Amino acid sequence: MITAIREVRRAKGLTLDDVARRCVPPTTAQTIGRLETGTRTVSVGWLNRIAGALGVAAADLVRLPMRSDIPVAAILDSGGVHAPKHETTLTPPSPGPGLIAVTVAAGVGDYRSGDELWCETLAPDSFGQAMNRDVLVPRPAGRFLFGRLIGREGGKLHLLPPGPGGRQQVVADPPWIARAVRLVRSL
């Protein structure tokens, strides 16, 4: 199995020892190094442990022949643009379970026509994870509200629509909400 453990670890700025200590249960830097280089076989158990330590999905650590990574040619920061110190690649995002999308047909607020928003659905007990984030909220008869979740009182959610002059909306006891987690925008 070809893995991207080293690339993900470096992209997160972690050492072998950092990852080893973050594993549950902890392991050694030498073991992580062997798993990275392929001198030790990466089992599903190890893949899950390392993914947890890196804060990514296990699928992000596996290179699939049909999924091509994008090489990073340059890094842009406040000092200008420069070449990366190490060969680095980006893995294109892959949809996960519970994701839904919102497409933007006309510019409103921070969003432009043609934008795509990937949203993670949340059950009522997880609504607090979406505070001060843009959310999609279902309404009866196939309608929706979209806006910034600015407050919760009991089962009532307070949303502020995008764009200037929007009036706060209150929704009572929605069965789920979807928190915007990724903006896809063509330039």
C-alpha atoms as a PDB file:
ATOM      1  CA  MET A   1       0.000   0.000   0.000  1.00  0.00           C
ATOM      2  CA  ILE A   2       1.343   3.434  -0.930  1.00  0.00           C
ATOM      3  CA  THR A   3       0.702   6.000   1.788  1.00  0.00           C
ATOM      4  CA  ALA A   4       0.950   9.756   2.106  1.00  0.00           C
ATOM      5  CA  ILE A   5       1.758   9.709   5.818  1.00  0.00           C
ATOM      6  CA  ARG A   6       5.025  11.637   5.393  1.00  0.00           C
ATOM      7  CA  GLU A   7       3.459  14.305   3.150  1.00  0.00           C
ATOM      8  CA  VAL A   8       0.523  14.891   5.507  1.00  0.00           C
ATOM      9  CA  ARG A   9       2.807  14.955   8.561  1.00  0.00           C
ATOM     10  CA  ARG A  10       5.138  17.500   6.937  1.00  0.00           C
ATOM     11  CA  ALA A  11       2.230  19.614   5.695  1.00  0.00           C
ATOM     12  CA  LYS A  12       1.026  19.835   9.305  1.00  0.00           C
ATOM     13  CA  GLY A  13       4.528  20.772  10.497  1.00  0.00           C
ATOM     14  CA  LEU A  14       4.886  17.740  12.769  1.00  0.00           C
ATOM     15  CA  THR A  15       7.939  15.622  13.547  1.00  0.00           C
ATOM     16  CA  LEU A  16       7.976  11.832  13.710  1.00  0.00           C
ATOM     17  CA  ASP A  17       8.099  12.131  17.486  1.00  0.00           C
ATOM     18  CA  ASP A  18       5.065  14.474  17.535  1.00  0.00           C
ATOM     19  CA  VAL A  19       2.989  11.931  15.624  1.00  0.00           C
ATOM     20  CA  ALA A  20       4.274   9.027  17.730  1.00  0.00           C
ATOM     21  CA  ARG A  21       3.263  10.801  20.959  1.00  0.00           C
ATOM     22  CA  ARG A  22      -0.185  11.713  19.555  1.00  0.00           C
ATOM     23  CA  CYS A  23      -0.995   8.097  18.646  1.00  0.00           C
ATOM     24  CA  VAL A  24      -3.364   6.242  20.965  1.00  0.00           C
ATOM     25  CA  PRO A  25      -1.645   4.371  22.520  1.00  0.00           C
ATOM     26  CA  PRO A  26       1.633   6.260  21.971  1.00  0.00           C
ATOM     27  CA  THR A  27       4.382   4.619  19.923  1.00  0.00           C
ATOM     28  CA  THR A  28       7.946   5.471  18.873  1.00  0.00           C
ATOM     29  CA  ALA A  29       9.223   7.877  16.222  1.00  0.00           C
ATOM     30  CA  GLN A  30      11.155   4.966  14.708  1.00  0.00           C
ATOM     31  CA  THR A  31       7.924   3.013  14.169  1.00  0.00           C
ATOM     32  CA  ILE A  32       6.249   5.990  12.474  1.00  0.00           C
ATOM     33  CA  GLY A  33       9.336   6.405  10.264  1.00  0.00           C
ATOM     34  CA  ARG A  34       9.206   2.751   9.213  1.00  0.00           C
ATOM     35  CA  LEU A  35       5.514   3.024   8.414  1.00  0.00           C
ATOM     36  CA  GLU A  36       6.156   6.198   6.348  1.00  0.00           C
ATOM     37  CA  THR A  37       8.942   4.649   4.285  1.00  0.00           C
ATOM     38  CA  GLY A  38       7.206   1.309   3.766  1.00  0.00           C
ATOM     39  CA  THR A  39       9.834  -0.749   5.601  1.00  0.00           C
ATOM     40  CA  ARG A  40       6.998  -1.826   7.884  1.00  0.00           C
ATOM     41  CA  THR A  41       3.575  -2.831   6.549  1.00  0.00           C
ATOM     42  CA  VAL A  42       0.797  -0.344   7.274  1.00  0.00           C
ATOM     43  CA  SER A  43      -2.230  -2.218   8.572  1.00  0.00           C
ATOM     44  CA  VAL A  44      -5.699  -0.716   8.767  1.00  0.00           C
ATOM     45  CA  GLY A  45      -5.219  -0.418  12.532  1.00  0.00           C
ATOM     46  CA  TRP A  46      -2.002   1.569  12.110  1.00  0.00           C
ATOM     47  CA  LEU A  47      -3.581   3.700   9.407  1.00  0.00           C
ATOM     48  CA  ASN A  48      -6.443   4.620  11.744  1.00  0.00           C
ATOM     49  CA  ARG A  49      -4.076   5.362  14.665  1.00  0.00           C
ATOM     50  CA  ILE A  50      -1.877   7.628  12.541  1.00  0.00           C
ATOM     51  CA  ALA A  51      -4.878   9.351  10.946  1.00  0.00           C
ATOM     52  CA  GLY A  52      -6.201  10.109  14.440  1.00  0.00           C
ATOM     53  CA  ALA A  53      -2.821  11.496  15.482  1.00  0.00           C
ATOM     54  CA  LEU A  54      -2.690  13.719  12.394  1.00  0.00           C
ATOM     55  CA  GLY A  55      -6.332  14.808  12.646  1.00  0.00           C
ATOM     56  CA  VAL A  56      -7.284  13.542   9.170  1.00  0.00           C
ATOM     57  CA  ALA A  57      -9.411  10.757   7.724  1.00  0.00           C
ATOM     58  CA  ALA A  58      -7.599   7.465   7.136  1.00  0.00           C
ATOM     59  CA  ALA A  59      -8.538   7.736   3.436  1.00  0.00           C
ATOM     60  CA  ASP A  60      -6.413  10.908   3.236  1.00  0.00           C
ATOM     61  CA  LEU A  61      -3.330   8.816   4.018  1.00  0.00           C
ATOM     62  CA  VAL A  62      -3.797   6.311   1.199  1.00  0.00           C
ATOM     63  CA  ARG A  63      -2.721   6.992  -2.365  1.00  0.00           C
ATOM     64  CA  LEU A  64      -5.114   5.450  -4.797  1.00  0.00           C
ATOM     65  CA  PRO A  65      -4.100   4.903  -8.426  1.00  0.00           C
ATOM     66  CA  MET A  66      -7.221   6.693  -9.680  1.00  0.00           C
ATOM     67  CA  ARG A  67      -6.768   9.703  -7.356  1.00  0.00           C
ATOM     68  CA  SER A  68      -4.018  12.016  -8.482  1.00  0.00           C
ATOM     69  CA  ASP A  69      -2.427  14.487  -6.122  1.00  0.00           C
ATOM     70  CA  ILE A  70      -1.510  18.012  -7.199  1.00  0.00           C
ATOM     71  CA  PRO A  71       2.160  19.007  -6.852  1.00  0.00           C
ATOM     72  CA  VAL A  72       2.799  22.225  -4.923  1.00  0.00           C
ATOM     73  CA  ALA A  73       4.996  24.441  -7.113  1.00  0.00           C
ATOM     74  CA  ALA A  74       5.193  27.502  -4.849  1.00  0.00           C
ATOM     75  CA  ILE A  75       4.201  28.881  -1.464  1.00  0.00           C
ATOM     76  CA  LEU A  76       2.777  32.399  -1.170  1.00  0.00           C
ATOM     77  CA  ASP A  77       3.184  34.245   2.120  1.00  0.00           C
ATOM     78  CA  SER A  78       3.701  37.788   3.404  1.00  0.00           C
ATOM     79  CA  GLY A  79       7.330  37.702   2.205  1.00  0.00           C
ATOM     80  CA  GLY A  80       6.376  36.867  -1.372  1.00  0.00           C
ATOM     81  CA  VAL A  81       6.345  33.624  -3.308  1.00  0.00           C
ATOM     82  CA  HIS A  82       8.979  30.892  -2.960  1.00  0.00           C
ATOM     83  CA  ALA A  83       9.580  27.230  -3.729  1.00  0.00           C
ATOM     84  CA  PRO A  84       8.710  24.673  -1.033  1.00  0.00           C
ATOM     85  CA  LYS A  85      11.647  23.275   0.953  1.00  0.00           C
ATOM     86  CA  HIS A  86      10.379  19.728   0.494  1.00  0.00           C
ATOM     87  CA  GLU A  87       8.461  18.105  -2.333  1.00  0.00           C
ATOM     88  CA  THR A  88       4.821  18.543  -1.368  1.00  0.00           C
ATOM     89  CA  THR A  89       1.510  17.610  -2.902  1.00  0.00           C
ATOM     90  CA  LEU A  90      -2.110  18.469  -2.197  1.00  0.00           C
ATOM     91  CA  THR A  91      -4.799  15.846  -2.225  1.00  0.00           C
ATOM     92  CA  PRO A  92      -8.009  17.028  -3.886  1.00  0.00           C
ATOM     93  CA  PRO A  93     -10.924  16.947  -1.446  1.00  0.00           C
ATOM     94  CA  SER A  94     -13.138  13.922  -1.517  1.00  0.00           C
ATOM     95  CA  PRO A  95     -16.740  13.966  -0.347  1.00  0.00           C
ATOM     96  CA  GLY A  96     -17.473  12.230   2.895  1.00  0.00           C
ATOM     97  CA  PRO A  97     -20.645  10.891   4.464  1.00  0.00           C
ATOM     98  CA  GLY A  98     -23.183  13.492   5.524  1.00  0.00           C
ATOM     99  CA  LEU A  99     -22.052  16.157   3.064  1.00  0.00           C
ATOM    100  CA  ILE A 100     -24.540  18.147   1.016  1.00  0.00           C
ATOM    101  CA  ALA A 101     -23.944  21.090  -1.307  1.00  0.00           C
ATOM    102  CA  VAL A 102     -25.316  24.575  -1.867  1.00  0.00           C
ATOM    103  CA  THR A 103     -24.686  26.312  -5.188  1.00  0.00           C
ATOM    104  CA  VAL A 104     -24.715  30.099  -5.451  1.00  0.00           C
ATOM    105  CA  ALA A 105     -26.687  31.410  -8.446  1.00  0.00           C
ATOM    106  CA  ALA A 106     -26.261  35.133  -7.672  1.00  0.00           C
ATOM    107  CA  GLY A 107     -23.736  36.941  -5.484  1.00  0.00           C
ATOM    108  CA  VAL A 108     -24.856  37.610  -1.919  1.00  0.00           C
ATOM    109  CA  GLY A 109     -22.733  38.594   1.071  1.00  0.00           C
ATOM    110  CA  ASP A 110     -19.327  36.911   0.873  1.00  0.00           C
ATOM    111  CA  TYR A 111     -20.467  34.518  -1.844  1.00  0.00           C
ATOM    112  CA  ARG A 112     -20.178  34.961  -5.622  1.00  0.00           C
ATOM    113  CA  SER A 113     -22.209  33.529  -8.455  1.00  0.00           C
ATOM    114  CA  GLY A 114     -20.823  30.089  -9.303  1.00  0.00           C
ATOM    115  CA  ASP A 115     -19.546  29.325  -5.777  1.00  0.00           C
ATOM    116  CA  GLU A 116     -20.181  25.891  -4.326  1.00  0.00           C
ATOM    117  CA  LEU A 117     -20.502  25.326  -0.591  1.00  0.00           C
ATOM    118  CA  TRP A 118     -19.904  21.892   0.864  1.00  0.00           C
ATOM    119  CA  CYS A 119     -21.907  21.511   4.050  1.00  0.00           C
ATOM    120  CA  GLU A 120     -21.663  18.930   6.820  1.00  0.00           C
ATOM    121  CA  THR A 121     -25.024  17.854   8.250  1.00  0.00           C
ATOM    122  CA  LEU A 122     -25.392  18.042  12.020  1.00  0.00           C
ATOM    123  CA  ALA A 123     -27.972  16.475  14.338  1.00  0.00           C
ATOM    124  CA  PRO A 124     -29.666  18.695  16.966  1.00  0.00           C
ATOM    125  CA  ASP A 125     -27.251  17.623  19.724  1.00  0.00           C
ATOM    126  CA  SER A 126     -24.344  18.981  17.622  1.00  0.00           C
ATOM    127  CA  PHE A 127     -25.826  22.377  16.646  1.00  0.00           C
ATOM    128  CA  GLY A 128     -23.402  24.121  19.029  1.00  0.00           C
ATOM    129  CA  GLN A 129     -20.530  23.168  16.673  1.00  0.00           C
ATOM    130  CA  ALA A 130     -21.989  25.566  14.096  1.00  0.00           C
ATOM    131  CA  MET A 131     -22.099  28.756  16.199  1.00  0.00           C
ATOM    132  CA  ASN A 132     -20.904  31.792  14.218  1.00  0.00           C
ATOM    133  CA  ARG A 133     -20.725  29.706  11.028  1.00  0.00           C
ATOM    134  CA  ASP A 134     -22.907  29.780   7.923  1.00  0.00           C
ATOM    135  CA  VAL A 135     -25.560  27.067   7.965  1.00  0.00           C
ATOM    136  CA  LEU A 136     -28.360  25.690   5.816  1.00  0.00           C
ATOM    137  CA  VAL A 137     -31.554  25.024   7.775  1.00  0.00           C
ATOM    138  CA  PRO A 138     -34.503  23.034   6.383  1.00  0.00           C
ATOM    139  CA  ARG A 139     -37.994  24.523   6.596  1.00  0.00           C
ATOM    140  CA  PRO A 140     -41.365  22.894   5.916  1.00  0.00           C
ATOM    141  CA  ALA A 141     -42.532  22.265   2.337  1.00  0.00           C
ATOM    142  CA  GLY A 142     -39.016  21.881   0.876  1.00  0.00           C
ATOM    143  CA  ARG A 143     -37.874  25.410   1.748  1.00  0.00           C
ATOM    144  CA  PHE A 144     -34.596  26.404   3.420  1.00  0.00           C
ATOM    145  CA  LEU A 145     -32.935  29.251   5.294  1.00  0.00           C
ATOM    146  CA  PHE A 146     -29.252  30.077   4.904  1.00  0.00           C
ATOM    147  CA  GLY A 147     -27.295  32.365   7.178  1.00  0.00           C
ATOM    148  CA  ARG A 148     -24.890  32.790  10.061  1.00  0.00           C
ATOM    149  CA  LEU A 149     -25.948  30.931  13.213  1.00  0.00           C
ATOM    150  CA  ILE A 150     -25.662  33.694  15.811  1.00  0.00           C
ATOM    151  CA  GLY A 151     -27.604  32.254  18.721  1.00  0.00           C
ATOM    152  CA  ARG A 152     -29.483  29.348  20.282  1.00  0.00           C
ATOM    153  CA  GLU A 153     -32.240  29.455  22.875  1.00  0.00           C
ATOM    154  CA  GLY A 154     -33.626  26.071  23.716  1.00  0.00           C
ATOM    155  CA  GLY A 155     -34.724  24.598  20.404  1.00  0.00           C
ATOM    156  CA  LYS A 156     -34.733  27.961  18.606  1.00  0.00           C
ATOM    157  CA  LEU A 157     -31.916  28.941  16.253  1.00  0.00           C
ATOM    158  CA  HIS A 158     -31.178  32.576  15.380  1.00  0.00           C
ATOM    159  CA  LEU A 159     -29.776  33.157  11.875  1.00  0.00           C
ATOM    160  CA  LEU A 160     -28.505  36.307  10.222  1.00  0.00           C
ATOM    161  CA  PRO A 161     -28.869  36.111   6.406  1.00  0.00           C
ATOM    162  CA  PRO A 162     -25.822  36.984   4.266  1.00  0.00           C
ATOM    163  CA  GLY A 163     -25.583  40.455   2.777  1.00  0.00           C
ATOM    164  CA  PRO A 164     -26.329  43.895   4.171  1.00  0.00           C
ATOM    165  CA  GLY A 165     -29.683  44.760   5.724  1.00  0.00           C
ATOM    166  CA  GLY A 166     -30.784  41.180   6.396  1.00  0.00           C
ATOM    167  CA  ARG A 167     -33.183  40.693   9.311  1.00  0.00           C
ATOM    168  CA  GLN A 168     -32.556  38.006  11.877  1.00  0.00           C
ATOM    169  CA  GLN A 169     -34.583  34.826  11.302  1.00  0.00           C
ATOM    170  CA  VAL A 170     -35.654  32.405  14.036  1.00  0.00           C
ATOM    171  CA  VAL A 171     -36.243  28.712  13.346  1.00  0.00           C
ATOM    172  CA  ALA A 172     -37.695  26.378  15.943  1.00  0.00           C
ATOM    173  CA  ASP A 173     -36.606  22.750  16.298  1.00  0.00           C
ATOM    174  CA  PRO A 174     -35.162  21.899  12.859  1.00  0.00           C
ATOM    175  CA  PRO A 175     -34.440  18.155  12.463  1.00  0.00           C
ATOM    176  CA  TRP A 176     -30.894  18.938  11.205  1.00  0.00           C
ATOM    177  CA  ILE A 177     -28.703  21.766   9.980  1.00  0.00           C
ATOM    178  CA  ALA A 178     -25.756  21.763   7.592  1.00  0.00           C
ATOM    179  CA  ARG A 179     -22.632  23.762   8.503  1.00  0.00           C
ATOM    180  CA  ALA A 180     -20.590  25.177   5.607  1.00  0.00           C
ATOM    181  CA  VAL A 181     -17.151  23.536   5.742  1.00  0.00           C
ATOM    182  CA  ARG A 182     -15.634  24.177   2.290  1.00  0.00           C
ATOM    183  CA  LEU A 183     -15.963  26.906  -0.300  1.00  0.00           C
ATOM    184  CA  VAL A 184     -15.192  25.882  -3.895  1.00  0.00           C
ATOM    185  CA  ARG A 185     -14.660  28.907  -6.122  1.00  0.00           C
ATOM    186  CA  SER A 186     -13.410  29.123  -9.678  1.00  0.00           C
ATOM    187  CA  LEU A 187     -11.196  32.070 -10.459  1.00  0.00           C
END
